Amino acid sequence: MAAAQGRWTAEQANAWYAKQGWLRGSNFQPSTAINQLEMFQPETFDTATINRELGWAQDLGFNVMRVYLHHLLWAADKEGFKKRLDTYLAISSKHGIKTLFVFFDDCWNDTAWVGKQPAPKTGVHNSGWVRDPGTMIYTHPDTLKVLEAYVKDVLTTFKNDNRILLWDLYNEPGNNKQFNKSMPLLQKVFQWAREVRPSQPVSAGVWNDAPAFKALNKFQLQNSDVITYHNYSYIDNHRNTVDTLKKYGRPLICTEYMARRNGSLFQLIMPMLKQENVGAINWGFVSGKTNTIYAWDTPMPDGKEPQLWFHDIYRKDGTPFSKEEVAFIKQLCR
């Protein structure tokens, strides 16, 4: 097999980034979808809600949204799935919004299926979110072949599509105590992407600096064209992360931040990221089936709206959690 084509040089990555302008947006899941499957399944692909909510993002001044995919949808109906991705991109680009697609994910529930998705558990954060591929990769040996075909087909189909900002190959590898068990798939997905050579950069964000993630972090930092990362902490910690990652001499995009209870607030973090020319993509946009107004570890069995939302900006009717916060974001995005 021919060696996979190499990573972008720092010069290439910085030249690409200079053309983008300051990137700001959210992780996007329409309020009517509990997870990646419900978002893109034909029966529940809700273009009216997607269009309405991305209109609010445009109004806020956002120009990029991060969107998760799932290989089971491709396996069930390759052409239909890619057609829905194209429809999504047509809607988002109409609103002046680029897309950052995510392939794999080690977060939340291990079992996923095509078809009717579960109803949200009252007051539980991301109760229906699913990993991709999850531990089925160990129990079903043919999974790897399917994943390779999936990644290469989607990348090849959209490799020259300028509506796509970047490919996020693997979200939070090693989460759910997988640690280095996630390394083989992380290495493979970079190899597959290099073989396709999309015109867009590829990355996998560093998210945990604990010693158990040292090998994964090293691989991610050495192989990403553009450095992406997550930080849900207070500004001092976040600034320290930015300073540490700047040493690599590549563009930086924060692909997850903003947890109000943790002091990771728009009013604190966003101006710092803008000043440092770091892309700012927060978690959560419209409060809906994902229940991410509730904190990760604090279920609210009565399902009452918490006084302080954990994530998310708007209610389903378009009213903001905080008018002051929305006014602040609009001002900053001008």
Foldseek 3Di string as FASTA:
>chain_A
DDFFAAFDDQVVQVVLLVVPAQAEAAADDQQQDLEQQLCQPPVRVDVVSLLVQLLLRLVLLHAEYEYEHALQRCVVPVVSSLVSVVVSLVSNVVSNHAYAYEYWEDDDDQDDDHDDFDFFQFQAFSNGYYGVPHPVVVVPVCVVVSSLVSLLVNCLVCLAPPSHAEYAYYEPPCPPVCQCVRVVVVVVSLRSCSNSVRPHWYAHEAEDPPPSNVVVVVVRLVGGNAYEYEDAAAPVVVVVVVVVSCVSSHAYEHQEYAFVVRNRACVRPVVVCVVVSYHYYYYAAENHRSSQQHDNPDGDNVNDRDLRGGDYFYYSVGHGNDPVRSVVSSVSSD
